[in-house]
Amino acid sequence: MLGTWKSWAGRSFALIGVAAALYGIVGCSSKSDTDLKALAKGEMKDLAVEARPAPAPKVPFTDAAGRRRTLSDFKGKVVVLNLWATWCAPCVAEMPTLARLQSQSAGKPLVVVPVSLDAPEDRANAQAFLAKRPPLAFYAEPTYELARAFNPSVEGLPTTVLIDAEGRVRARLSGGADWSSPAAKSVLDKLVSGG
């Protein structure tokens, strides 16, 4: 009888240990998401935080020189991926704030990646527009494959997707915003610090 009780008690403690470990793992991952949601105020009030961060799509796009790039090229940095087009008025309005964000983030592991979805015949116009907004670099993906590769797919422009240093999609904001605002800085600082 004593042996049976010890066996039962041992199994119970083992199960409690496993449950506690799982709770700790789940608690840690969801705490980061909760922290991001808590910071989503002001300009970031419409920020949609991913409950289960997934790897960023591997769809290629090109840089100003026409070289093939992917989001994995930026691994190790927080990526502020902005999908935009010159025909989109809110995109044009928010671009200076993305340029300020990139300037303010000098020396930090954060990069703004504005990807133009303009048609190939409008590429030169889009590139000239972005050249007037240093220090932003120009990227293009006119097929919309990158926009469709997200889950759910990107429906409207501008859409900004936040990707952590491990290459996981953490949040997205549909519509224009001031990316140099204190609210945006709080969210991005949290991601930069590993939150």
N, C-alpha and C. Protein backbone atom coordinates (compact mmCIF):
# COMPACT_ATOMS: atom_id res chain seq x y z
N MET A 1 0.83 -1.20 0.00
CA MET A 1 0.00 0.00 0.00
C MET A 1 0.86 1.26 0.00
N LEU A 2 1.93 1.27 0.83
CA LEU A 2 2.82 2.42 0.91
C LEU A 2 3.53 2.63 -0.42
N GLY A 3 3.93 1.50 -1.07
CA GLY A 3 4.60 1.58 -2.37
C GLY A 3 3.68 2.19 -3.42
N THR A 4 2.41 1.82 -3.41
CA THR A 4 1.45 2.36 -4.37
C THR A 4 1.26 3.86 -4.15
N TRP A 5 1.18 4.25 -2.87
CA TRP A 5 1.01 5.67 -2.56
C TRP A 5 2.22 6.47 -3.03
N LYS A 6 3.43 5.95 -2.79
CA LYS A 6 4.66 6.65 -3.22
C LYS A 6 4.69 6.78 -4.74
N SER A 7 4.28 5.71 -5.42
CA SER A 7 4.26 5.74 -6.88
C SER A 7 3.28 6.80 -7.38
N TRP A 8 2.09 6.83 -6.77
CA TRP A 8 1.07 7.80 -7.15
C TRP A 8 1.55 9.22 -6.86
N ALA A 9 2.14 9.43 -5.68
CA ALA A 9 2.63 10.75 -5.29
C ALA A 9 3.75 11.20 -6.23
N GLY A 10 4.64 10.28 -6.58
CA GLY A 10 5.73 10.63 -7.49
C GLY A 10 5.21 11.07 -8.85
N ARG A 11 4.22 10.33 -9.37
CA ARG A 11 3.63 10.71 -10.66
C ARG A 11 2.91 12.06 -10.57
N SER A 12 2.22 12.29 -9.47
CA SER A 12 1.50 13.54 -9.29
C SER A 12 2.46 14.73 -9.29
N PHE A 13 3.57 14.59 -8.55
CA PHE A 13 4.54 15.68 -8.50
C PHE A 13 5.19 15.90 -9.87
N ALA A 14 5.42 14.81 -10.59
CA ALA A 14 5.99 14.92 -11.94
C ALA A 14 5.02 15.68 -12.85
N LEU A 15 3.74 15.34 -12.78
CA LEU A 15 2.74 16.03 -13.60
C LEU A 15 2.62 17.50 -13.22
N ILE A 16 2.67 17.78 -11.93
CA ILE A 16 2.62 19.17 -11.46
C ILE A 16 3.83 19.94 -12.01
N GLY A 17 4.99 19.30 -12.00
CA GLY A 17 6.21 19.93 -12.53
C GLY A 17 6.10 20.23 -14.00
N VAL A 18 5.58 19.26 -14.77
CA VAL A 18 5.39 19.47 -16.21
C VAL A 18 4.40 20.60 -16.45
N ALA A 19 3.29 20.60 -15.71
CA ALA A 19 2.28 21.66 -15.86
C ALA A 19 2.87 23.02 -15.53
N ALA A 20 3.66 23.10 -14.48
CA ALA A 20 4.28 24.37 -14.09
C ALA A 20 5.26 24.85 -15.17
N ALA A 21 6.02 23.91 -15.73
CA ALA A 21 6.97 24.28 -16.78
C ALA A 21 6.23 24.80 -18.01
N LEU A 22 5.17 24.10 -18.40
CA LEU A 22 4.39 24.55 -19.56
C LEU A 22 3.75 25.90 -19.29
N TYR A 23 3.23 26.11 -18.10
CA TYR A 23 2.63 27.39 -17.75
C TYR A 23 3.67 28.50 -17.85
N GLY A 24 4.89 28.20 -17.37
CA GLY A 24 5.97 29.19 -17.44
C GLY A 24 6.33 29.54 -18.86
N ILE A 25 6.39 28.52 -19.74
CA ILE A 25 6.73 28.77 -21.14
C ILE A 25 5.65 29.59 -21.80
N VAL A 26 4.41 29.18 -21.66
CA VAL A 26 3.29 29.91 -22.26
C VAL A 26 3.20 31.30 -21.67
N GLY A 27 3.37 31.41 -20.37
CA GLY A 27 3.30 32.70 -19.70
C GLY A 27 4.33 33.68 -20.22
N CYS A 28 5.56 33.17 -20.46
CA CYS A 28 6.62 34.05 -20.95
C CYS A 28 6.31 34.56 -22.34
N SER A 29 5.86 33.68 -23.23
CA SER A 29 5.62 34.11 -24.60
C SER A 29 4.42 35.04 -24.69
N SER A 30 3.38 34.79 -23.90
CA SER A 30 2.22 35.65 -24.00
C SER A 30 2.43 36.96 -23.25
N LYS A 31 3.35 37.00 -22.29
CA LYS A 31 3.62 38.23 -21.56
C LYS A 31 4.16 39.29 -22.51
N SER A 32 5.06 38.90 -23.43
CA SER A 32 5.59 39.85 -24.40
C SER A 32 4.48 40.43 -25.24
N ASP A 33 3.57 39.56 -25.68
CA ASP A 33 2.45 40.03 -26.49
C ASP A 33 1.56 40.97 -25.68
N THR A 34 1.33 40.63 -24.42
CA THR A 34 0.52 41.47 -23.55
C THR A 34 1.19 42.82 -23.36
N ASP A 35 2.51 42.81 -23.19
CA ASP A 35 3.25 44.06 -23.03
C ASP A 35 3.11 44.94 -24.26
N LEU A 36 3.21 44.33 -25.45
CA LEU A 36 3.05 45.10 -26.68
C LEU A 36 1.64 45.69 -26.78
N LYS A 37 0.64 44.89 -26.45
CA LYS A 37 -0.74 45.38 -26.50
C LYS A 37 -0.94 46.54 -25.54
N ALA A 38 -0.31 46.46 -24.36
CA ALA A 38 -0.44 47.52 -23.37
C ALA A 38 0.19 48.82 -23.86
N LEU A 39 1.18 48.72 -24.73
CA LEU A 39 1.85 49.91 -25.26
C LEU A 39 1.13 50.50 -26.47
N ALA A 40 0.16 49.77 -27.01
CA ALA A 40 -0.54 50.20 -28.23
C ALA A 40 -1.56 51.30 -27.91
N LYS A 41 -1.03 52.50 -27.77
CA LYS A 41 -1.86 53.66 -27.44
C LYS A 41 -1.55 54.78 -28.43
N GLY A 42 -2.37 55.81 -28.40
CA GLY A 42 -2.12 56.97 -29.27
C GLY A 42 -2.02 56.56 -30.73
N GLU A 43 -0.93 56.90 -31.38
CA GLU A 43 -0.70 56.56 -32.79
C GLU A 43 -0.73 55.04 -33.02
N MET A 44 -0.49 54.28 -31.99
CA MET A 44 -0.41 52.82 -32.12
C MET A 44 -1.68 52.11 -31.65
N LYS A 45 -2.76 52.85 -31.41
CA LYS A 45 -3.98 52.26 -30.84
C LYS A 45 -4.57 51.14 -31.70
N ASP A 46 -4.33 51.18 -33.01
CA ASP A 46 -4.88 50.15 -33.90
C ASP A 46 -3.88 49.04 -34.20
N LEU A 47 -2.78 49.01 -33.46
CA LEU A 47 -1.76 47.98 -33.67
C LEU A 47 -2.35 46.60 -33.35
N ALA A 48 -2.26 45.69 -34.30
CA ALA A 48 -2.74 44.31 -34.11
C ALA A 48 -1.53 43.45 -33.76
N VAL A 49 -1.50 42.97 -32.52
CA VAL A 49 -0.38 42.16 -32.02
C VAL A 49 -0.66 40.69 -32.28
N GLU A 50 0.33 39.99 -32.80
CA GLU A 50 0.19 38.57 -33.12
C GLU A 50 0.14 37.75 -31.83
N ALA A 51 -0.84 36.90 -31.70
CA ALA A 51 -0.93 36.01 -30.54
C ALA A 51 0.15 34.93 -30.61
N ARG A 52 0.43 34.47 -31.83
CA ARG A 52 1.45 33.45 -32.05
C ARG A 52 2.39 33.92 -33.15
N PRO A 53 3.48 34.59 -32.78
CA PRO A 53 4.41 35.09 -33.80
C PRO A 53 4.89 33.97 -34.72
N ALA A 54 4.85 34.24 -36.02
CA ALA A 54 5.28 33.27 -37.03
C ALA A 54 6.43 33.87 -37.84
N PRO A 55 7.24 33.02 -38.46
CA PRO A 55 8.35 33.56 -39.28
C PRO A 55 7.83 34.47 -40.40
N ALA A 56 8.60 35.51 -40.68
CA ALA A 56 8.25 36.42 -41.76
C ALA A 56 8.34 35.69 -43.10
N PRO A 57 7.52 36.09 -44.07
CA PRO A 57 7.57 35.44 -45.39
C PRO A 57 8.94 35.57 -46.04
N LYS A 58 9.25 34.63 -46.92
CA LYS A 58 10.54 34.62 -47.60
C LYS A 58 10.43 35.11 -49.04
N VAL A 59 9.35 35.79 -49.36
CA VAL A 59 9.13 36.30 -50.72
C VAL A 59 10.19 37.36 -51.03
N PRO A 60 10.86 37.24 -52.18
CA PRO A 60 11.90 38.22 -52.51
C PRO A 60 11.34 39.55 -53.01
N PHE A 61 12.15 40.58 -52.83
CA PHE A 61 11.88 41.91 -53.38
C PHE A 61 13.24 42.44 -53.83
N THR A 62 13.28 43.61 -54.44
CA THR A 62 14.56 44.12 -54.94
C THR A 62 14.93 45.42 -54.25
N ASP A 63 16.24 45.69 -54.23
CA ASP A 63 16.70 46.97 -53.68
C ASP A 63 16.87 47.96 -54.84
N ALA A 64 17.40 49.14 -54.54
CA ALA A 64 17.52 50.19 -55.55
C ALA A 64 18.38 49.77 -56.74
N ALA A 65 19.36 48.90 -56.49
CA ALA A 65 20.25 48.43 -57.57
C ALA A 65 19.67 47.23 -58.31
N GLY A 66 18.47 46.78 -57.91
CA GLY A 66 17.85 45.64 -58.57
C GLY A 66 18.27 44.29 -58.02
N ARG A 67 19.05 44.30 -56.91
CA ARG A 67 19.47 43.04 -56.29
C ARG A 67 18.32 42.41 -55.52
N ARG A 68 18.28 41.10 -55.55
CA ARG A 68 17.24 40.36 -54.84
C ARG A 68 17.50 40.40 -53.33
N ARG A 69 16.47 40.69 -52.57
CA ARG A 69 16.55 40.73 -51.10
C ARG A 69 15.38 39.96 -50.52
N THR A 70 15.52 39.54 -49.25
CA THR A 70 14.40 38.96 -48.50
C THR A 70 14.46 39.54 -47.09
N LEU A 71 13.39 39.35 -46.34
CA LEU A 71 13.36 39.86 -44.97
C LEU A 71 14.40 39.19 -44.09
N SER A 72 14.81 37.97 -44.43
CA SER A 72 15.83 37.28 -43.63
C SER A 72 17.18 37.99 -43.72
N ASP A 73 17.39 38.84 -44.73
CA ASP A 73 18.63 39.62 -44.83
C ASP A 73 18.80 40.56 -43.64
N PHE A 74 17.71 40.86 -42.95
CA PHE A 74 17.74 41.82 -41.85
C PHE A 74 17.68 41.14 -40.48
N LYS A 75 17.82 39.81 -40.45
CA LYS A 75 17.74 39.09 -39.19
C LYS A 75 18.78 39.63 -38.21
N GLY A 76 18.38 39.74 -36.96
CA GLY A 76 19.25 40.33 -35.94
C GLY A 76 18.86 41.78 -35.65
N LYS A 77 17.96 42.32 -36.48
CA LYS A 77 17.44 43.67 -36.28
C LYS A 77 15.92 43.62 -36.24
N VAL A 78 15.34 44.56 -35.52
CA VAL A 78 13.89 44.74 -35.58
C VAL A 78 13.61 45.42 -36.91
N VAL A 79 12.69 44.86 -37.67
CA VAL A 79 12.35 45.40 -38.99
C VAL A 79 10.99 46.08 -38.93
N VAL A 80 10.97 47.31 -39.40
CA VAL A 80 9.71 48.05 -39.57
C VAL A 80 9.44 48.01 -41.07
N LEU A 81 8.71 46.98 -41.49
CA LEU A 81 8.41 46.78 -42.91
C LEU A 81 7.19 47.61 -43.28
N ASN A 82 7.38 48.56 -44.19
CA ASN A 82 6.28 49.43 -44.61
C ASN A 82 5.96 49.14 -46.07
N LEU A 83 4.74 48.65 -46.31
CA LEU A 83 4.26 48.41 -47.67
C LEU A 83 3.50 49.65 -48.12
N TRP A 84 3.95 50.26 -49.23
CA TRP A 84 3.44 51.55 -49.62
C TRP A 84 3.43 51.69 -51.14
N ALA A 85 2.84 52.77 -51.63
CA ALA A 85 2.86 53.12 -53.05
C ALA A 85 2.70 54.63 -53.20
N THR A 86 3.21 55.17 -54.28
CA THR A 86 3.15 56.63 -54.48
C THR A 86 1.72 57.12 -54.72
N TRP A 87 0.83 56.25 -55.22
CA TRP A 87 -0.55 56.66 -55.47
C TRP A 87 -1.40 56.65 -54.20
N CYS A 88 -0.83 56.23 -53.08
CA CYS A 88 -1.53 56.12 -51.80
C CYS A 88 -1.23 57.36 -50.94
N ALA A 89 -2.23 58.25 -50.80
CA ALA A 89 -2.03 59.50 -50.05
C ALA A 89 -1.57 59.29 -48.61
N PRO A 90 -2.17 58.36 -47.83
CA PRO A 90 -1.68 58.15 -46.47
C PRO A 90 -0.24 57.61 -46.43
N CYS A 91 0.14 56.86 -47.45
CA CYS A 91 1.53 56.36 -47.53
C CYS A 91 2.50 57.53 -47.67
N VAL A 92 2.17 58.43 -48.59
CA VAL A 92 3.00 59.60 -48.84
C VAL A 92 3.08 60.46 -47.58
N ALA A 93 1.97 60.61 -46.87
CA ALA A 93 1.93 61.43 -45.66
C ALA A 93 2.77 60.86 -44.53
N GLU A 94 2.80 59.53 -44.39
CA GLU A 94 3.54 58.95 -43.26
C GLU A 94 5.02 58.73 -43.55
N MET A 95 5.44 58.77 -44.82
CA MET A 95 6.83 58.46 -45.16
C MET A 95 7.85 59.35 -44.44
N PRO A 96 7.61 60.67 -44.28
CA PRO A 96 8.58 61.48 -43.52
C PRO A 96 8.75 60.99 -42.07
N THR A 97 7.69 60.44 -41.48
CA THR A 97 7.81 59.95 -40.09
C THR A 97 8.66 58.68 -40.05
N LEU A 98 8.59 57.88 -41.09
CA LEU A 98 9.45 56.68 -41.16
C LEU A 98 10.91 57.09 -41.35
N ALA A 99 11.14 58.16 -42.12
CA ALA A 99 12.50 58.67 -42.29
C ALA A 99 13.04 59.19 -40.95
N ARG A 100 12.19 59.90 -40.20
CA ARG A 100 12.63 60.39 -38.87
C ARG A 100 12.92 59.21 -37.95
N LEU A 101 12.07 58.19 -37.98
CA LEU A 101 12.29 57.00 -37.16
C LEU A 101 13.65 56.39 -37.48
N GLN A 102 13.96 56.24 -38.77
CA GLN A 102 15.25 55.64 -39.14
C GLN A 102 16.40 56.51 -38.66
N SER A 103 16.27 57.82 -38.77
CA SER A 103 17.32 58.74 -38.28
C SER A 103 17.49 58.63 -36.77
N GLN A 104 16.37 58.60 -36.05
CA GLN A 104 16.41 58.52 -34.59
C GLN A 104 16.93 57.17 -34.10
N SER A 105 16.92 56.17 -34.96
CA SER A 105 17.32 54.82 -34.57
C SER A 105 18.76 54.49 -34.95
N ALA A 106 19.51 55.50 -35.38
CA ALA A 106 20.90 55.27 -35.76
C ALA A 106 21.65 54.62 -34.59
N GLY A 107 22.36 53.54 -34.88
CA GLY A 107 23.11 52.83 -33.85
C GLY A 107 22.32 51.76 -33.13
N LYS A 108 21.02 51.70 -33.36
CA LYS A 108 20.17 50.68 -32.73
C LYS A 108 19.96 49.53 -33.72
N PRO A 109 19.67 48.34 -33.21
CA PRO A 109 19.38 47.22 -34.12
C PRO A 109 17.95 47.29 -34.65
N LEU A 110 17.67 48.35 -35.41
CA LEU A 110 16.34 48.58 -35.98
C LEU A 110 16.53 49.15 -37.38
N VAL A 111 15.74 48.65 -38.33
CA VAL A 111 15.82 49.14 -39.70
C VAL A 111 14.42 49.31 -40.27
N VAL A 112 14.21 50.43 -40.95
CA VAL A 112 12.96 50.67 -41.66
C VAL A 112 13.15 50.16 -43.08
N VAL A 113 12.24 49.30 -43.52
CA VAL A 113 12.32 48.72 -44.86
C VAL A 113 11.04 49.09 -45.62
N PRO A 114 11.07 50.23 -46.35
CA PRO A 114 9.89 50.63 -47.11
C PRO A 114 9.89 49.91 -48.47
N VAL A 115 8.90 49.07 -48.70
CA VAL A 115 8.82 48.31 -49.95
C VAL A 115 7.69 48.89 -50.80
N SER A 116 8.07 49.47 -51.93
CA SER A 116 7.11 50.05 -52.86
C SER A 116 6.37 48.96 -53.61
N LEU A 117 5.05 49.08 -53.67
CA LEU A 117 4.24 48.16 -54.45
C LEU A 117 3.78 48.82 -55.75
N ASP A 118 4.45 49.92 -56.11
CA ASP A 118 4.13 50.60 -57.37
C ASP A 118 4.39 49.67 -58.55
N ALA A 119 3.65 49.88 -59.63
CA ALA A 119 3.84 49.10 -60.86
C ALA A 119 5.25 49.35 -61.41
N PRO A 120 5.79 48.39 -62.17
CA PRO A 120 7.15 48.55 -62.72
C PRO A 120 7.36 49.86 -63.47
N GLU A 121 6.35 50.32 -64.20
CA GLU A 121 6.51 51.57 -64.96
C GLU A 121 6.56 52.80 -64.05
N ASP A 122 6.18 52.64 -62.77
CA ASP A 122 6.23 53.75 -61.82
C ASP A 122 7.41 53.65 -60.85
N ARG A 123 8.28 52.66 -61.08
CA ARG A 123 9.41 52.44 -60.17
C ARG A 123 10.32 53.67 -60.07
N ALA A 124 10.65 54.27 -61.18
CA ALA A 124 11.55 55.43 -61.17
C ALA A 124 10.95 56.58 -60.35
N ASN A 125 9.65 56.80 -60.49
CA ASN A 125 8.97 57.84 -59.73
C ASN A 125 9.01 57.52 -58.24
N ALA A 126 8.74 56.26 -57.88
CA ALA A 126 8.77 55.85 -56.46
C ALA A 126 10.18 55.98 -55.89
N GLN A 127 11.17 55.61 -56.69
CA GLN A 127 12.56 55.70 -56.22
C GLN A 127 12.97 57.16 -56.01
N ALA A 128 12.55 58.04 -56.92
CA ALA A 128 12.86 59.47 -56.78
C ALA A 128 12.17 60.05 -55.55
N PHE A 129 10.93 59.63 -55.31
CA PHE A 129 10.19 60.09 -54.13
C PHE A 129 10.93 59.71 -52.85
N LEU A 130 11.38 58.48 -52.77
CA LEU A 130 12.06 58.01 -51.56
C LEU A 130 13.46 58.63 -51.42
N ALA A 131 14.09 58.95 -52.53
CA ALA A 131 15.43 59.57 -52.48
C ALA A 131 15.39 60.92 -51.77
N LYS A 132 14.22 61.55 -51.73
CA LYS A 132 14.06 62.84 -51.05
C LYS A 132 13.77 62.66 -49.56
N ARG A 133 13.77 61.42 -49.10
CA ARG A 133 13.50 61.13 -47.69
C ARG A 133 14.61 60.28 -47.07
N PRO A 134 15.83 60.86 -47.03
CA PRO A 134 16.92 60.09 -46.42
C PRO A 134 16.66 59.94 -44.92
N PRO A 135 17.18 58.91 -44.29
CA PRO A 135 18.12 57.91 -44.79
C PRO A 135 17.44 56.62 -45.28
N LEU A 136 16.18 56.70 -45.71
CA LEU A 136 15.47 55.50 -46.13
C LEU A 136 16.07 54.93 -47.41
N ALA A 137 16.15 53.61 -47.47
CA ALA A 137 16.60 52.91 -48.67
C ALA A 137 15.37 52.51 -49.48
N PHE A 138 15.56 52.30 -50.77
CA PHE A 138 14.45 51.95 -51.65
C PHE A 138 14.40 50.45 -51.89
N TYR A 139 13.19 49.90 -51.79
CA TYR A 139 12.93 48.49 -52.11
C TYR A 139 11.62 48.44 -52.89
N ALA A 140 11.49 47.43 -53.75
CA ALA A 140 10.28 47.32 -54.56
C ALA A 140 9.85 45.87 -54.72
N GLU A 141 8.53 45.69 -54.79
CA GLU A 141 7.95 44.36 -55.03
C GLU A 141 6.59 44.59 -55.70
N PRO A 142 6.59 44.80 -57.03
CA PRO A 142 5.37 45.19 -57.73
C PRO A 142 4.33 44.09 -57.94
N THR A 143 4.64 42.85 -57.60
CA THR A 143 3.70 41.75 -57.88
C THR A 143 2.69 41.53 -56.75
N TYR A 144 2.89 42.17 -55.60
CA TYR A 144 2.03 42.02 -54.41
C TYR A 144 2.16 40.63 -53.75
N GLU A 145 3.13 39.83 -54.21
CA GLU A 145 3.32 38.51 -53.60
C GLU A 145 3.70 38.63 -52.13
N LEU A 146 4.54 39.61 -51.81
CA LEU A 146 4.94 39.81 -50.41
C LEU A 146 3.72 40.17 -49.57
N ALA A 147 2.89 41.06 -50.06
CA ALA A 147 1.68 41.47 -49.32
C ALA A 147 0.75 40.28 -49.10
N ARG A 148 0.63 39.41 -50.10
CA ARG A 148 -0.26 38.26 -49.99
C ARG A 148 0.32 37.14 -49.13
N ALA A 149 1.63 37.17 -48.90
CA ALA A 149 2.28 36.08 -48.15
C ALA A 149 2.05 36.15 -46.64
N PHE A 150 1.61 37.30 -46.15
CA PHE A 150 1.32 37.41 -44.72
C PHE A 150 -0.01 36.75 -44.40
N ASN A 151 -0.16 36.32 -43.15
CA ASN A 151 -1.39 35.67 -42.74
C ASN A 151 -2.02 36.49 -41.60
N PRO A 152 -3.14 37.17 -41.82
CA PRO A 152 -3.84 37.28 -43.09
C PRO A 152 -3.08 38.19 -44.05
N SER A 153 -3.41 38.09 -45.34
CA SER A 153 -2.72 38.89 -46.34
C SER A 153 -3.03 40.37 -46.12
N VAL A 154 -2.11 41.20 -46.59
CA VAL A 154 -2.28 42.65 -46.46
C VAL A 154 -3.36 43.10 -47.44
N GLU A 155 -4.34 43.81 -46.92
CA GLU A 155 -5.48 44.23 -47.74
C GLU A 155 -5.34 45.65 -48.27
N GLY A 156 -4.82 46.56 -47.48
CA GLY A 156 -4.76 47.97 -47.90
C GLY A 156 -3.42 48.59 -47.60
N LEU A 157 -3.21 49.77 -48.16
CA LEU A 157 -1.95 50.49 -47.95
C LEU A 157 -2.25 51.83 -47.28
N PRO A 158 -1.31 52.31 -46.48
CA PRO A 158 -0.09 51.62 -46.08
C PRO A 158 -0.38 50.56 -45.02
N THR A 159 0.46 49.57 -44.98
CA THR A 159 0.46 48.60 -43.88
C THR A 159 1.90 48.47 -43.41
N THR A 160 2.08 48.54 -42.11
CA THR A 160 3.41 48.41 -41.52
C THR A 160 3.42 47.17 -40.65
N VAL A 161 4.40 46.31 -40.91
CA VAL A 161 4.53 45.05 -40.18
C VAL A 161 5.80 45.12 -39.34
N LEU A 162 5.67 44.79 -38.06
CA LEU A 162 6.81 44.79 -37.15
C LEU A 162 7.33 43.37 -36.99
N ILE A 163 8.61 43.20 -37.27
CA ILE A 163 9.26 41.89 -37.25
C ILE A 163 10.40 41.95 -36.24
N ASP A 164 10.44 41.00 -35.32
CA ASP A 164 11.47 41.05 -34.28
C ASP A 164 12.83 40.59 -34.82
N ALA A 165 13.85 40.69 -33.97
CA ALA A 165 15.21 40.37 -34.38
C ALA A 165 15.39 38.90 -34.74
N GLU A 166 14.46 38.06 -34.31
CA GLU A 166 14.52 36.63 -34.66
C GLU A 166 13.79 36.34 -35.96
N GLY A 167 13.26 37.37 -36.61
CA GLY A 167 12.59 37.19 -37.89
C GLY A 167 11.13 36.77 -37.79
N ARG A 168 10.50 37.04 -36.63
CA ARG A 168 9.10 36.67 -36.43
C ARG A 168 8.20 37.90 -36.53
N VAL A 169 7.05 37.73 -37.18
CA VAL A 169 6.07 38.81 -37.29
C VAL A 169 5.42 38.98 -35.92
N ARG A 170 5.52 40.19 -35.36
CA ARG A 170 4.99 40.43 -34.02
C ARG A 170 3.73 41.28 -34.02
N ALA A 171 3.60 42.20 -34.99
CA ALA A 171 2.43 43.07 -35.01
C ALA A 171 2.33 43.75 -36.37
N ARG A 172 1.15 44.33 -36.62
CA ARG A 172 0.97 45.09 -37.85
C ARG A 172 0.00 46.24 -37.60
N LEU A 173 0.18 47.27 -38.39
CA LEU A 173 -0.70 48.43 -38.32
C LEU A 173 -1.16 48.76 -39.73
N SER A 174 -2.46 48.72 -39.94
CA SER A 174 -3.03 49.09 -41.24
C SER A 174 -3.42 50.55 -41.18
N GLY A 175 -3.02 51.30 -42.18
CA GLY A 175 -3.31 52.74 -42.20
C GLY A 175 -2.09 53.54 -41.79
N GLY A 176 -2.14 54.81 -42.05
CA GLY A 176 -1.02 55.69 -41.75
C GLY A 176 -0.87 55.99 -40.27
N ALA A 177 0.36 56.31 -39.88
CA ALA A 177 0.65 56.65 -38.49
C ALA A 177 1.91 57.51 -38.44
N ASP A 178 2.12 58.15 -37.31
CA ASP A 178 3.36 58.89 -37.08
C ASP A 178 4.34 57.93 -36.40
N TRP A 179 5.27 57.39 -37.18
CA TRP A 179 6.21 56.40 -36.67
C TRP A 179 7.35 57.02 -35.87
N SER A 180 7.36 58.35 -35.77
CA SER A 180 8.36 59.00 -34.91
C SER A 180 7.73 59.48 -33.61
N SER A 181 6.48 59.10 -33.36
CA SER A 181 5.75 59.52 -32.16
C SER A 181 6.25 58.77 -30.92
N PRO A 182 6.01 59.32 -29.72
CA PRO A 182 6.38 58.62 -28.49
C PRO A 182 5.72 57.24 -28.37
N ALA A 183 4.47 57.11 -28.84
CA ALA A 183 3.78 55.81 -28.75
C ALA A 183 4.48 54.77 -29.62
N ALA A 184 4.87 55.16 -30.82
CA ALA A 184 5.60 54.23 -31.71
C ALA A 184 6.95 53.88 -31.10
N LYS A 185 7.61 54.88 -30.53
CA LYS A 185 8.92 54.65 -29.91
C LYS A 185 8.81 53.63 -28.78
N SER A 186 7.76 53.71 -27.97
CA SER A 186 7.59 52.76 -26.87
C SER A 186 7.45 51.34 -27.38
N VAL A 187 6.63 51.15 -28.42
CA VAL A 187 6.43 49.81 -28.98
C VAL A 187 7.75 49.28 -29.56
N LEU A 188 8.43 50.12 -30.33
CA LEU A 188 9.66 49.67 -30.99
C LEU A 188 10.79 49.45 -30.00
N ASP A 189 10.88 50.30 -28.97
CA ASP A 189 11.90 50.08 -27.93
C ASP A 189 11.69 48.74 -27.23
N LYS A 190 10.42 48.37 -27.03
CA LYS A 190 10.11 47.09 -26.40
C LYS A 190 10.61 45.93 -27.28
N LEU A 191 10.39 46.02 -28.59
CA LEU A 191 10.86 44.99 -29.49
C LEU A 191 12.39 44.95 -29.56
N VAL A 192 13.02 46.12 -29.59
CA VAL A 192 14.49 46.19 -29.64
C VAL A 192 15.10 45.56 -28.40
N SER A 193 14.44 45.75 -27.25
CA SER A 193 14.97 45.19 -26.00
C SER A 193 14.66 43.69 -25.85
N GLY A 194 14.02 43.13 -26.85
CA GLY A 194 13.74 41.69 -26.82
C GLY A 194 12.37 41.34 -26.30
N GLY A 195 11.51 42.35 -26.08
CA GLY A 195 10.18 42.12 -25.54
C GLY A 195 9.17 41.69 -26.57
